[in-house]
Amino acid sequence: MGTGSTYEDYSESPLELTCTACGGYSKFAQPSGGEKYDIEAIYFDDDEYNLYFAIVISDIDGIGDLYLNIQGNEYGIVIKDHDDFKKGEIYRDVVWSDDLYEENDNDCYWKGTQRTTIKSGTKVEGGNAVVVTGDTGISDYGFTNYVIEIKIPRQLIGSPQQGTGNIGYSLTCGNDIIGKDVTYDYSTIPEFATIAIPAIMIIGMLYLFRRK
């Protein structure tokens, strides 16, 4: 988990698989299914005008939407076109889809609610987030790492002032989840010259997290 120029270890709780057929459950370390379903890292920064995120993943097909809880208000950012939702759209008062196993009425599914993709909500008018997904060119245990870069205008999400909020991201399968409280402190952070984060910073972050 990275914020500004600092990084810290992120401890992931085991996933609990509930099976209605047998009436029991089992625990699995994240990511369930191995490296292909690993969310490597999430990075956050902000300035006076925007929030910036970078998410490093291996599963380009199972991209979920970004969850934000800002001063008690919940938002969802569409990261990839799905259903009637278009990449970059911002929604509030979101109803979330659960993991694919539960959504498809499987006998076994992850316990609790995984916020994977937006199911419904109120679309925020006046603009969208900018979302770009790129190939890092780095192979991690046989799987390519991808970076999702996101820039969200502050005025579209209530213009959050200095304080704390919660962010979360999950693959659509729910096999890996990452979430963290972050601090908004735009007075000390300059705006990135590009959409979000220079590539050299992303690559350095990848190797840092690989060493953890």
N, C-alpha and C. Protein backbone atom coordinates (compact mmCIF):
# COMPACT_ATOMS: atom_id res chain seq x y z
N MET A 1 0.85 -1.19 0.00
CA MET A 1 0.00 0.00 0.00
C MET A 1 0.88 1.23 0.00
N GLY A 2 0.69 2.13 -0.96
CA GLY A 2 1.51 3.32 -1.03
C GLY A 2 0.67 4.58 -0.92
N THR A 3 1.21 5.57 -0.19
CA THR A 3 0.57 6.88 -0.10
C THR A 3 1.65 7.93 -0.18
N GLY A 4 1.52 8.86 -1.14
CA GLY A 4 2.57 9.85 -1.32
C GLY A 4 3.88 9.17 -1.64
N SER A 5 4.93 9.52 -0.90
CA SER A 5 6.24 8.90 -1.12
C SER A 5 6.53 7.79 -0.13
N THR A 6 5.54 7.37 0.65
CA THR A 6 5.74 6.34 1.66
C THR A 6 5.01 5.06 1.27
N TYR A 7 5.53 3.94 1.78
CA TYR A 7 4.95 2.63 1.50
C TYR A 7 4.91 1.83 2.79
N GLU A 8 3.99 0.92 2.89
CA GLU A 8 3.91 0.08 4.06
C GLU A 8 3.39 -1.29 3.68
N ASP A 9 3.73 -2.28 4.51
CA ASP A 9 3.21 -3.63 4.29
C ASP A 9 1.70 -3.62 4.47
N TYR A 10 1.05 -4.48 3.72
CA TYR A 10 -0.41 -4.60 3.83
C TYR A 10 -0.73 -6.04 4.21
N SER A 11 -1.37 -6.22 5.35
CA SER A 11 -1.71 -7.56 5.84
C SER A 11 -3.11 -7.93 5.38
N GLU A 12 -3.21 -9.03 4.63
CA GLU A 12 -4.49 -9.46 4.09
C GLU A 12 -5.10 -10.56 4.95
N SER A 13 -6.34 -10.39 5.33
CA SER A 13 -7.05 -11.41 6.09
C SER A 13 -7.40 -12.58 5.17
N PRO A 14 -7.45 -13.79 5.71
CA PRO A 14 -7.83 -14.94 4.87
C PRO A 14 -9.26 -14.79 4.35
N LEU A 15 -9.49 -15.32 3.16
CA LEU A 15 -10.84 -15.38 2.61
C LEU A 15 -11.55 -16.60 3.17
N GLU A 16 -12.83 -16.47 3.46
CA GLU A 16 -13.61 -17.60 3.97
C GLU A 16 -14.60 -18.05 2.90
N LEU A 17 -14.45 -19.29 2.47
CA LEU A 17 -15.32 -19.86 1.45
C LEU A 17 -16.47 -20.58 2.13
N THR A 18 -17.68 -20.11 1.91
CA THR A 18 -18.88 -20.71 2.49
C THR A 18 -19.52 -21.66 1.48
N CYS A 19 -19.84 -22.87 1.93
CA CYS A 19 -20.48 -23.85 1.05
C CYS A 19 -21.83 -24.24 1.64
N THR A 20 -22.90 -23.86 0.96
CA THR A 20 -24.23 -24.16 1.47
C THR A 20 -24.55 -25.64 1.40
N ALA A 21 -23.96 -26.33 0.44
CA ALA A 21 -24.25 -27.76 0.28
C ALA A 21 -23.76 -28.58 1.46
N CYS A 22 -22.61 -28.18 2.01
CA CYS A 22 -22.05 -28.95 3.12
C CYS A 22 -22.23 -28.25 4.45
N GLY A 23 -22.69 -27.00 4.42
CA GLY A 23 -22.94 -26.27 5.66
C GLY A 23 -21.69 -25.85 6.39
N GLY A 24 -20.56 -25.78 5.70
CA GLY A 24 -19.31 -25.40 6.35
C GLY A 24 -18.58 -24.34 5.55
N TYR A 25 -17.38 -24.03 6.01
CA TYR A 25 -16.57 -23.05 5.29
C TYR A 25 -15.10 -23.38 5.48
N SER A 26 -14.28 -22.88 4.57
CA SER A 26 -12.84 -23.07 4.62
C SER A 26 -12.17 -21.71 4.45
N LYS A 27 -10.95 -21.59 4.95
CA LYS A 27 -10.21 -20.35 4.83
C LYS A 27 -9.09 -20.51 3.80
N PHE A 28 -8.90 -19.45 3.00
CA PHE A 28 -7.87 -19.45 1.98
C PHE A 28 -7.07 -18.15 2.08
N ALA A 29 -5.76 -18.26 1.93
CA ALA A 29 -4.93 -17.07 1.89
C ALA A 29 -5.17 -16.33 0.58
N GLN A 30 -5.11 -15.00 0.65
CA GLN A 30 -5.23 -14.21 -0.57
C GLN A 30 -3.88 -14.16 -1.28
N PRO A 31 -3.87 -14.21 -2.61
CA PRO A 31 -5.03 -14.40 -3.49
C PRO A 31 -5.36 -15.87 -3.67
N SER A 32 -6.61 -16.22 -3.57
CA SER A 32 -7.02 -17.59 -3.85
C SER A 32 -6.84 -17.85 -5.34
N GLY A 33 -6.24 -18.98 -5.67
CA GLY A 33 -6.00 -19.30 -7.08
C GLY A 33 -4.62 -18.92 -7.56
N GLY A 34 -3.81 -18.29 -6.70
CA GLY A 34 -2.43 -18.00 -7.07
C GLY A 34 -2.20 -16.66 -7.73
N GLU A 35 -1.02 -16.53 -8.32
CA GLU A 35 -0.52 -15.26 -8.83
C GLU A 35 -1.44 -14.60 -9.86
N LYS A 36 -2.12 -15.38 -10.67
CA LYS A 36 -2.99 -14.82 -11.70
C LYS A 36 -4.03 -13.88 -11.11
N TYR A 37 -4.46 -14.15 -9.88
CA TYR A 37 -5.53 -13.36 -9.27
C TYR A 37 -5.01 -12.39 -8.21
N ASP A 38 -3.72 -12.09 -8.27
CA ASP A 38 -3.11 -11.25 -7.25
C ASP A 38 -3.27 -9.77 -7.57
N ILE A 39 -3.74 -9.00 -6.58
CA ILE A 39 -3.66 -7.55 -6.64
C ILE A 39 -2.34 -7.18 -5.97
N GLU A 40 -1.37 -6.78 -6.76
CA GLU A 40 -0.01 -6.59 -6.25
C GLU A 40 0.08 -5.41 -5.28
N ALA A 41 -0.55 -4.30 -5.65
CA ALA A 41 -0.40 -3.08 -4.84
C ALA A 41 -1.45 -2.06 -5.25
N ILE A 42 -1.67 -1.11 -4.36
CA ILE A 42 -2.53 0.04 -4.69
C ILE A 42 -1.82 1.29 -4.18
N TYR A 43 -1.85 2.33 -4.98
CA TYR A 43 -1.15 3.58 -4.66
C TYR A 43 -2.16 4.72 -4.70
N PHE A 44 -2.02 5.64 -3.76
CA PHE A 44 -2.95 6.79 -3.68
C PHE A 44 -2.17 8.07 -3.47
N ASP A 45 -2.61 9.13 -4.12
CA ASP A 45 -2.07 10.46 -3.89
C ASP A 45 -3.16 11.47 -4.25
N ASP A 46 -3.00 12.70 -3.82
CA ASP A 46 -3.97 13.73 -4.18
C ASP A 46 -3.32 15.09 -4.23
N ASP A 47 -4.00 16.02 -4.88
CA ASP A 47 -3.59 17.41 -4.85
C ASP A 47 -4.86 18.26 -4.71
N GLU A 48 -4.75 19.52 -4.96
CA GLU A 48 -5.89 20.42 -4.74
C GLU A 48 -7.07 20.11 -5.65
N TYR A 49 -6.80 19.50 -6.80
CA TYR A 49 -7.84 19.33 -7.81
C TYR A 49 -8.28 17.89 -8.05
N ASN A 50 -7.40 16.92 -7.80
CA ASN A 50 -7.68 15.54 -8.18
C ASN A 50 -7.23 14.54 -7.13
N LEU A 51 -7.84 13.35 -7.20
CA LEU A 51 -7.33 12.17 -6.50
C LEU A 51 -6.69 11.27 -7.55
N TYR A 52 -5.58 10.63 -7.19
CA TYR A 52 -4.87 9.75 -8.12
C TYR A 52 -4.72 8.36 -7.51
N PHE A 53 -4.96 7.36 -8.32
CA PHE A 53 -4.81 5.98 -7.88
C PHE A 53 -4.03 5.20 -8.93
N ALA A 54 -3.26 4.23 -8.47
CA ALA A 54 -2.67 3.23 -9.37
C ALA A 54 -2.88 1.87 -8.71
N ILE A 55 -3.40 0.94 -9.48
CA ILE A 55 -3.65 -0.42 -8.99
C ILE A 55 -2.86 -1.37 -9.87
N VAL A 56 -2.06 -2.23 -9.25
CA VAL A 56 -1.23 -3.18 -9.99
C VAL A 56 -1.85 -4.56 -9.87
N ILE A 57 -2.19 -5.17 -11.01
CA ILE A 57 -2.90 -6.45 -11.02
C ILE A 57 -2.26 -7.39 -12.03
N SER A 58 -2.65 -8.67 -11.95
CA SER A 58 -2.23 -9.67 -12.93
C SER A 58 -3.40 -10.16 -13.78
N ASP A 59 -4.62 -9.99 -13.30
CA ASP A 59 -5.81 -10.50 -14.00
C ASP A 59 -6.48 -9.37 -14.76
N ILE A 60 -6.14 -9.21 -16.03
CA ILE A 60 -6.68 -8.12 -16.83
C ILE A 60 -8.14 -8.38 -17.21
N ASP A 61 -8.57 -9.64 -17.14
CA ASP A 61 -9.94 -9.97 -17.54
C ASP A 61 -10.94 -9.77 -16.40
N GLY A 62 -10.48 -9.86 -15.16
CA GLY A 62 -11.39 -9.78 -14.02
C GLY A 62 -11.37 -8.45 -13.31
N ILE A 63 -11.23 -7.36 -14.06
CA ILE A 63 -11.13 -6.03 -13.45
C ILE A 63 -12.44 -5.64 -12.78
N GLY A 64 -12.35 -5.23 -11.52
CA GLY A 64 -13.51 -4.73 -10.80
C GLY A 64 -13.54 -3.21 -10.83
N ASP A 65 -14.49 -2.61 -10.11
CA ASP A 65 -14.61 -1.16 -10.02
C ASP A 65 -14.01 -0.67 -8.71
N LEU A 66 -13.62 0.60 -8.67
CA LEU A 66 -12.99 1.18 -7.49
C LEU A 66 -14.04 1.68 -6.51
N TYR A 67 -13.85 1.33 -5.23
CA TYR A 67 -14.75 1.75 -4.15
C TYR A 67 -14.11 2.88 -3.36
N LEU A 68 -14.89 3.93 -3.08
CA LEU A 68 -14.43 5.03 -2.25
C LEU A 68 -15.48 5.34 -1.19
N ASN A 69 -15.03 5.54 0.04
CA ASN A 69 -15.90 6.05 1.09
C ASN A 69 -15.28 7.35 1.57
N ILE A 70 -15.92 8.45 1.25
CA ILE A 70 -15.36 9.77 1.53
C ILE A 70 -16.30 10.52 2.46
N GLN A 71 -15.83 10.72 3.69
CA GLN A 71 -16.61 11.47 4.68
C GLN A 71 -18.02 10.90 4.80
N GLY A 72 -18.11 9.56 4.78
CA GLY A 72 -19.39 8.88 4.95
C GLY A 72 -20.20 8.73 3.69
N ASN A 73 -19.72 9.27 2.58
CA ASN A 73 -20.40 9.14 1.29
C ASN A 73 -19.69 8.11 0.43
N GLU A 74 -20.46 7.18 -0.13
CA GLU A 74 -19.88 6.08 -0.89
C GLU A 74 -19.97 6.36 -2.39
N TYR A 75 -18.85 6.11 -3.07
CA TYR A 75 -18.77 6.30 -4.51
C TYR A 75 -18.19 5.06 -5.17
N GLY A 76 -18.53 4.87 -6.43
CA GLY A 76 -17.93 3.82 -7.24
C GLY A 76 -17.44 4.40 -8.55
N ILE A 77 -16.26 3.98 -8.98
CA ILE A 77 -15.67 4.44 -10.23
C ILE A 77 -15.61 3.26 -11.19
N VAL A 78 -16.20 3.40 -12.37
CA VAL A 78 -16.20 2.32 -13.34
C VAL A 78 -14.81 2.23 -13.99
N ILE A 79 -14.16 1.09 -13.83
CA ILE A 79 -12.80 0.92 -14.34
C ILE A 79 -12.78 0.29 -15.73
N LYS A 80 -13.81 -0.48 -16.05
CA LYS A 80 -13.89 -1.16 -17.34
C LYS A 80 -15.36 -1.24 -17.74
N ASP A 81 -15.66 -1.03 -19.01
CA ASP A 81 -17.05 -1.12 -19.47
C ASP A 81 -17.66 -2.46 -19.05
N HIS A 82 -18.86 -2.40 -18.49
CA HIS A 82 -19.61 -3.63 -18.19
C HIS A 82 -21.09 -3.27 -18.10
N ASP A 83 -21.93 -4.19 -18.55
CA ASP A 83 -23.38 -3.94 -18.56
C ASP A 83 -23.65 -2.59 -19.23
N ASP A 84 -24.38 -1.70 -18.55
CA ASP A 84 -24.66 -0.38 -19.13
C ASP A 84 -23.72 0.70 -18.58
N PHE A 85 -22.67 0.29 -17.88
CA PHE A 85 -21.75 1.23 -17.25
C PHE A 85 -20.51 1.42 -18.14
N LYS A 86 -20.07 2.66 -18.27
CA LYS A 86 -18.95 2.99 -19.13
C LYS A 86 -17.74 3.43 -18.30
N LYS A 87 -16.57 3.05 -18.78
CA LYS A 87 -15.32 3.36 -18.09
C LYS A 87 -15.22 4.86 -17.78
N GLY A 88 -14.87 5.15 -16.53
CA GLY A 88 -14.70 6.53 -16.09
C GLY A 88 -15.92 7.14 -15.43
N GLU A 89 -17.08 6.52 -15.59
CA GLU A 89 -18.28 7.06 -14.94
C GLU A 89 -18.16 6.95 -13.43
N ILE A 90 -18.76 7.91 -12.73
CA ILE A 90 -18.73 7.96 -11.27
C ILE A 90 -20.16 7.85 -10.75
N TYR A 91 -20.34 7.00 -9.75
CA TYR A 91 -21.67 6.79 -9.17
C TYR A 91 -21.61 6.96 -7.66
N ARG A 92 -22.70 7.45 -7.09
CA ARG A 92 -22.85 7.51 -5.64
C ARG A 92 -24.05 6.65 -5.24
N ASP A 93 -24.20 6.42 -3.93
CA ASP A 93 -25.28 5.56 -3.42
C ASP A 93 -25.27 4.23 -4.17
N VAL A 94 -24.11 3.60 -4.19
CA VAL A 94 -23.89 2.44 -5.04
C VAL A 94 -24.40 1.15 -4.41
N VAL A 95 -25.04 0.32 -5.23
CA VAL A 95 -25.32 -1.07 -4.88
C VAL A 95 -24.29 -1.90 -5.64
N TRP A 96 -23.55 -2.74 -4.91
CA TRP A 96 -22.44 -3.47 -5.50
C TRP A 96 -22.81 -4.92 -5.81
N SER A 97 -22.23 -5.42 -6.89
CA SER A 97 -22.28 -6.86 -7.14
C SER A 97 -21.34 -7.55 -6.17
N ASP A 98 -21.70 -8.78 -5.79
CA ASP A 98 -20.82 -9.59 -4.95
C ASP A 98 -19.89 -10.39 -5.86
N ASP A 99 -19.10 -11.30 -5.27
CA ASP A 99 -18.21 -12.10 -6.10
C ASP A 99 -19.00 -12.94 -7.09
N LEU A 100 -18.36 -13.33 -8.18
CA LEU A 100 -19.04 -14.04 -9.26
C LEU A 100 -19.67 -15.35 -8.80
N TYR A 101 -19.06 -16.00 -7.83
CA TYR A 101 -19.59 -17.27 -7.36
C TYR A 101 -20.98 -17.08 -6.74
N GLU A 102 -21.11 -16.05 -5.90
CA GLU A 102 -22.40 -15.80 -5.25
C GLU A 102 -23.39 -15.20 -6.25
N GLU A 103 -22.92 -14.32 -7.13
CA GLU A 103 -23.81 -13.72 -8.12
C GLU A 103 -24.40 -14.79 -9.05
N ASN A 104 -23.65 -15.85 -9.28
CA ASN A 104 -24.11 -16.93 -10.17
C ASN A 104 -24.77 -18.08 -9.41
N ASP A 105 -25.09 -17.83 -8.12
CA ASP A 105 -25.81 -18.80 -7.29
C ASP A 105 -25.07 -20.13 -7.15
N ASN A 106 -23.75 -20.06 -7.08
CA ASN A 106 -22.98 -21.27 -6.80
C ASN A 106 -23.20 -21.72 -5.36
N ASP A 107 -23.00 -23.01 -5.11
CA ASP A 107 -23.13 -23.52 -3.75
C ASP A 107 -22.03 -22.98 -2.84
N CYS A 108 -20.87 -22.68 -3.43
CA CYS A 108 -19.75 -22.17 -2.65
C CYS A 108 -19.42 -20.74 -3.11
N TYR A 109 -19.23 -19.85 -2.15
CA TYR A 109 -18.93 -18.45 -2.47
C TYR A 109 -18.21 -17.84 -1.29
N TRP A 110 -17.61 -16.67 -1.49
CA TRP A 110 -16.85 -16.02 -0.44
C TRP A 110 -17.78 -15.42 0.61
N LYS A 111 -17.47 -15.67 1.88
CA LYS A 111 -18.26 -15.15 2.98
C LYS A 111 -18.15 -13.63 3.03
N GLY A 112 -19.25 -12.98 3.41
CA GLY A 112 -19.26 -11.52 3.45
C GLY A 112 -19.52 -10.94 2.07
N THR A 113 -19.45 -9.63 1.97
CA THR A 113 -19.74 -8.95 0.71
C THR A 113 -18.45 -8.42 0.11
N GLN A 114 -18.15 -8.86 -1.10
CA GLN A 114 -17.04 -8.31 -1.86
C GLN A 114 -17.60 -7.26 -2.82
N ARG A 115 -17.16 -6.03 -2.69
CA ARG A 115 -17.59 -4.98 -3.63
C ARG A 115 -16.78 -5.17 -4.91
N THR A 116 -17.40 -5.77 -5.92
CA THR A 116 -16.64 -6.08 -7.13
C THR A 116 -16.94 -5.10 -8.26
N THR A 117 -18.18 -5.08 -8.74
CA THR A 117 -18.56 -4.13 -9.78
C THR A 117 -19.86 -3.44 -9.40
N ILE A 118 -20.07 -2.27 -9.95
CA ILE A 118 -21.27 -1.49 -9.67
C ILE A 118 -22.48 -2.17 -10.30
N LYS A 119 -23.51 -2.37 -9.49
CA LYS A 119 -24.75 -2.96 -9.99
C LYS A 119 -25.78 -1.87 -10.29
N SER A 120 -25.84 -0.86 -9.43
CA SER A 120 -26.73 0.28 -9.64
C SER A 120 -26.23 1.45 -8.80
N GLY A 121 -26.77 2.63 -9.07
CA GLY A 121 -26.37 3.81 -8.33
C GLY A 121 -26.83 5.07 -9.05
N THR A 122 -26.53 6.22 -8.46
CA THR A 122 -26.88 7.50 -9.05
C THR A 122 -25.66 8.07 -9.75
N LYS A 123 -25.77 8.27 -11.05
CA LYS A 123 -24.62 8.75 -11.82
C LYS A 123 -24.32 10.20 -11.47
N VAL A 124 -23.05 10.48 -11.22
CA VAL A 124 -22.60 11.84 -10.95
C VAL A 124 -22.42 12.56 -12.29
N GLU A 125 -23.10 13.67 -12.44
CA GLU A 125 -23.01 14.44 -13.68
C GLU A 125 -21.90 15.48 -13.59
N GLY A 126 -21.49 15.97 -14.74
CA GLY A 126 -20.50 17.05 -14.75
C GLY A 126 -19.11 16.62 -15.14
N GLY A 127 -18.91 15.34 -15.40
CA GLY A 127 -17.59 14.87 -15.80
C GLY A 127 -17.35 13.44 -15.37
N ASN A 128 -16.24 12.88 -15.82
CA ASN A 128 -15.86 11.51 -15.50
C ASN A 128 -14.45 11.46 -14.94
N ALA A 129 -14.11 10.32 -14.38
CA ALA A 129 -12.73 10.03 -14.04
C ALA A 129 -11.98 9.65 -15.32
N VAL A 130 -10.67 9.82 -15.31
CA VAL A 130 -9.83 9.34 -16.41
C VAL A 130 -9.21 8.02 -15.97
N VAL A 131 -9.40 6.98 -16.78
CA VAL A 131 -8.91 5.64 -16.44
C VAL A 131 -8.08 5.11 -17.60
N VAL A 132 -6.85 4.72 -17.31
CA VAL A 132 -5.96 4.15 -18.33
C VAL A 132 -5.34 2.88 -17.77
N THR A 133 -5.38 1.82 -18.56
CA THR A 133 -4.77 0.55 -18.16
C THR A 133 -3.61 0.24 -19.10
N GLY A 134 -2.45 -0.09 -18.52
CA GLY A 134 -1.27 -0.35 -19.34
C GLY A 134 -0.50 -1.58 -18.89
N ASP A 135 0.23 -2.15 -19.81
CA ASP A 135 1.09 -3.31 -19.57
C ASP A 135 2.45 -2.80 -19.06
N THR A 136 2.90 -3.27 -17.90
CA THR A 136 4.17 -2.82 -17.34
C THR A 136 5.37 -3.44 -18.04
N GLY A 137 5.13 -4.54 -18.76
CA GLY A 137 6.25 -5.27 -19.35
C GLY A 137 6.98 -6.13 -18.35
N ILE A 138 6.45 -6.24 -17.15
CA ILE A 138 7.06 -7.05 -16.09
C ILE A 138 6.27 -8.33 -15.91
N SER A 139 6.96 -9.45 -15.92
CA SER A 139 6.32 -10.74 -15.69
C SER A 139 6.60 -11.18 -14.26
N ASP A 140 5.56 -11.47 -13.53
CA ASP A 140 5.68 -11.85 -12.12
C ASP A 140 5.19 -13.28 -11.96
N TYR A 141 6.12 -14.21 -11.74
CA TYR A 141 5.78 -15.62 -11.59
C TYR A 141 4.96 -16.13 -12.78
N GLY A 142 5.35 -15.67 -13.97
CA GLY A 142 4.71 -16.15 -15.19
C GLY A 142 3.49 -15.37 -15.63
N PHE A 143 3.11 -14.33 -14.88
CA PHE A 143 1.93 -13.54 -15.24
C PHE A 143 2.32 -12.07 -15.37
N THR A 144 1.86 -11.46 -16.45
CA THR A 144 2.17 -10.05 -16.70
C THR A 144 1.47 -9.15 -15.69
N ASN A 145 2.19 -8.14 -15.22
CA ASN A 145 1.58 -7.14 -14.34
C ASN A 145 1.05 -5.98 -15.17
N TYR A 146 -0.15 -5.54 -14.82
CA TYR A 146 -0.79 -4.40 -15.47
C TYR A 146 -1.01 -3.30 -14.43
N VAL A 147 -0.98 -2.06 -14.87
CA VAL A 147 -1.24 -0.92 -13.99
C VAL A 147 -2.50 -0.20 -14.47
N ILE A 148 -3.44 -0.02 -13.56
CA ILE A 148 -4.62 0.80 -13.82
C ILE A 148 -4.39 2.16 -13.17
N GLU A 149 -4.34 3.22 -13.97
CA GLU A 149 -4.16 4.57 -13.46
C GLU A 149 -5.49 5.31 -13.50
N ILE A 150 -5.81 6.00 -12.42
CA ILE A 150 -7.11 6.65 -12.30
C ILE A 150 -6.92 8.07 -11.78
N LYS A 151 -7.55 9.03 -12.43
CA LYS A 151 -7.54 10.42 -11.96
C LYS A 151 -8.99 10.86 -11.78
N ILE A 152 -9.35 11.30 -10.57
CA ILE A 152 -10.72 11.66 -10.24
C ILE A 152 -10.77 13.13 -9.81
N PRO A 153 -11.50 13.99 -10.51
CA PRO A 153 -11.64 15.38 -10.08
C PRO A 153 -12.33 15.46 -8.71
N ARG A 154 -11.77 16.22 -7.82
CA ARG A 154 -12.30 16.31 -6.46
C ARG A 154 -13.75 16.81 -6.43
N GLN A 155 -14.07 17.76 -7.32
CA GLN A 155 -15.41 18.36 -7.26
C GLN A 155 -16.50 17.36 -7.61
N LEU A 156 -16.15 16.24 -8.27
CA LEU A 156 -17.15 15.25 -8.64
C LEU A 156 -17.47 14.30 -7.49
N ILE A 157 -16.67 14.33 -6.44
CA ILE A 157 -16.90 13.44 -5.30
C ILE A 157 -16.99 14.23 -4.00
N GLY A 158 -17.60 15.39 -4.09
CA GLY A 158 -17.86 16.17 -2.88
C GLY A 158 -16.73 17.04 -2.40
N SER A 159 -15.69 17.22 -3.22
CA SER A 159 -14.54 18.06 -2.86
C SER A 159 -14.03 17.76 -1.45
N PRO A 160 -13.58 16.51 -1.20
CA PRO A 160 -13.14 16.14 0.15
C PRO A 160 -11.99 17.02 0.63
N GLN A 161 -12.11 17.47 1.88
CA GLN A 161 -11.06 18.27 2.50
C GLN A 161 -10.08 17.34 3.20
N GLN A 162 -9.12 17.94 3.86
CA GLN A 162 -8.12 17.14 4.56
C GLN A 162 -8.80 16.28 5.62
N GLY A 163 -8.42 15.02 5.65
CA GLY A 163 -9.02 14.07 6.57
C GLY A 163 -8.77 12.67 6.08
N THR A 164 -9.49 11.70 6.61
CA THR A 164 -9.29 10.31 6.22
C THR A 164 -10.50 9.77 5.47
N GLY A 165 -10.27 8.75 4.69
CA GLY A 165 -11.32 8.06 3.96
C GLY A 165 -10.88 6.63 3.70
N ASN A 166 -11.77 5.83 3.14
CA ASN A 166 -11.47 4.43 2.87
C ASN A 166 -11.54 4.16 1.38
N ILE A 167 -10.60 3.36 0.88
CA ILE A 167 -10.62 2.94 -0.51
C ILE A 167 -10.59 1.42 -0.55
N GLY A 168 -11.16 0.85 -1.60
CA GLY A 168 -11.17 -0.60 -1.73
C GLY A 168 -11.23 -1.02 -3.18
N TYR A 169 -10.67 -2.20 -3.45
CA TYR A 169 -10.69 -2.73 -4.81
C TYR A 169 -10.71 -4.25 -4.73
N SER A 170 -11.50 -4.87 -5.60
CA SER A 170 -11.60 -6.33 -5.65
C SER A 170 -11.70 -6.78 -7.09
N LEU A 171 -11.15 -7.95 -7.38
CA LEU A 171 -11.40 -8.58 -8.67
C LEU A 171 -12.85 -9.05 -8.70
N THR A 172 -13.39 -9.23 -9.91
CA THR A 172 -14.79 -9.64 -10.02
C THR A 172 -15.04 -11.00 -9.39
N CYS A 173 -14.02 -11.86 -9.38
CA CYS A 173 -14.18 -13.18 -8.78
C CYS A 173 -14.11 -13.13 -7.26
N GLY A 174 -13.60 -12.02 -6.71
CA GLY A 174 -13.45 -11.90 -5.27
C GLY A 174 -12.27 -12.68 -4.71
N ASN A 175 -11.41 -13.21 -5.58
CA ASN A 175 -10.28 -14.02 -5.12
C ASN A 175 -9.21 -13.20 -4.43
N ASP A 176 -9.21 -11.90 -4.62
CA ASP A 176 -8.28 -11.02 -3.92
C ASP A 176 -8.96 -9.68 -3.70
N ILE A 177 -8.72 -9.11 -2.53
CA ILE A 177 -9.35 -7.85 -2.12
C ILE A 177 -8.28 -6.99 -1.46
N ILE A 178 -8.31 -5.70 -1.72
CA ILE A 178 -7.40 -4.80 -1.02
C ILE A 178 -8.18 -3.56 -0.59
N GLY A 179 -7.93 -3.10 0.61
CA GLY A 179 -8.64 -1.92 1.11
C GLY A 179 -7.83 -1.26 2.20
N LYS A 180 -7.99 0.05 2.35
CA LYS A 180 -7.16 0.77 3.31
C LYS A 180 -7.76 2.13 3.60
N ASP A 181 -7.55 2.62 4.82
CA ASP A 181 -7.85 4.01 5.13
C ASP A 181 -6.71 4.88 4.62
N VAL A 182 -7.04 6.00 4.01
CA VAL A 182 -6.02 6.92 3.49
C VAL A 182 -6.29 8.32 4.02
N THR A 183 -5.28 9.17 3.94
CA THR A 183 -5.38 10.55 4.40
C THR A 183 -5.31 11.50 3.22
N TYR A 184 -6.28 12.39 3.11
CA TYR A 184 -6.26 13.43 2.09
C TYR A 184 -5.46 14.61 2.64
N ASP A 185 -4.40 15.00 1.92
CA ASP A 185 -3.53 16.07 2.40
C ASP A 185 -2.99 16.84 1.20
N TYR A 186 -3.91 17.44 0.45
CA TYR A 186 -3.53 18.01 -0.83
C TYR A 186 -2.61 19.21 -0.74
N SER A 187 -2.50 19.85 0.42
CA SER A 187 -1.69 21.06 0.51
C SER A 187 -0.20 20.78 0.37
N THR A 188 0.20 19.51 0.52
CA THR A 188 1.63 19.18 0.46
C THR A 188 2.00 18.37 -0.77
N ILE A 189 1.03 18.09 -1.66
CA ILE A 189 1.28 17.19 -2.78
C ILE A 189 1.14 17.95 -4.10
N PRO A 190 2.19 18.02 -4.92
CA PRO A 190 2.05 18.67 -6.23
C PRO A 190 1.30 17.78 -7.20
N GLU A 191 0.68 18.39 -8.21
CA GLU A 191 -0.05 17.62 -9.21
C GLU A 191 0.93 16.92 -10.13
N PHE A 192 0.67 15.67 -10.47
CA PHE A 192 1.51 14.96 -11.42
C PHE A 192 1.40 15.62 -12.79
N ALA A 193 2.49 15.63 -13.52
CA ALA A 193 2.50 16.25 -14.83
C ALA A 193 1.72 15.43 -15.85
N THR A 194 1.65 14.12 -15.63
CA THR A 194 0.92 13.25 -16.54
C THR A 194 -0.42 12.89 -15.93
N ILE A 195 -1.12 11.93 -16.52
CA ILE A 195 -2.45 11.56 -16.03
C ILE A 195 -2.42 11.19 -14.57
N ALA A 196 -1.40 10.43 -14.17
CA ALA A 196 -1.38 9.99 -12.78
C ALA A 196 0.04 9.86 -12.29
N ILE A 197 0.68 8.74 -12.51
CA ILE A 197 1.95 8.45 -11.86
C ILE A 197 3.00 8.11 -12.91
N PRO A 198 4.18 8.71 -12.85
CA PRO A 198 5.23 8.38 -13.81
C PRO A 198 5.55 6.89 -13.78
N ALA A 199 5.84 6.34 -14.96
CA ALA A 199 6.06 4.90 -15.07
C ALA A 199 7.20 4.43 -14.18
N ILE A 200 8.23 5.24 -14.02
CA ILE A 200 9.37 4.82 -13.21
C ILE A 200 8.95 4.58 -11.77
N MET A 201 7.98 5.37 -11.28
CA MET A 201 7.50 5.19 -9.91
C MET A 201 6.74 3.88 -9.77
N ILE A 202 5.93 3.56 -10.79
CA ILE A 202 5.17 2.31 -10.77
C ILE A 202 6.10 1.12 -10.75
N ILE A 203 7.12 1.14 -11.63
CA ILE A 203 8.05 0.01 -11.69
C ILE A 203 8.79 -0.13 -10.37
N GLY A 204 9.22 0.99 -9.79
CA GLY A 204 9.88 0.92 -8.49
C GLY A 204 8.97 0.36 -7.43
N MET A 205 7.69 0.72 -7.47
CA MET A 205 6.73 0.22 -6.50
C MET A 205 6.56 -1.29 -6.64
N LEU A 206 6.54 -1.77 -7.89
CA LEU A 206 6.39 -3.21 -8.13
C LEU A 206 7.52 -3.99 -7.47
N TYR A 207 8.74 -3.53 -7.68
CA TYR A 207 9.87 -4.26 -7.13
C TYR A 207 9.91 -4.14 -5.61
N LEU A 208 9.48 -2.99 -5.08
CA LEU A 208 9.43 -2.83 -3.64
C LEU A 208 8.47 -3.83 -3.02
N PHE A 209 7.27 -3.95 -3.59
CA PHE A 209 6.28 -4.87 -3.03
C PHE A 209 6.68 -6.31 -3.23
N ARG A 210 7.44 -6.59 -4.30
CA ARG A 210 7.87 -7.96 -4.52
C ARG A 210 8.88 -8.39 -3.46
N ARG A 211 9.62 -7.41 -2.91
CA ARG A 211 10.61 -7.73 -1.88
C ARG A 211 9.97 -7.92 -0.52
N LYS A 212 8.74 -7.40 -0.32
CA LYS A 212 8.10 -7.47 1.00
C LYS A 212 7.77 -8.91 1.38
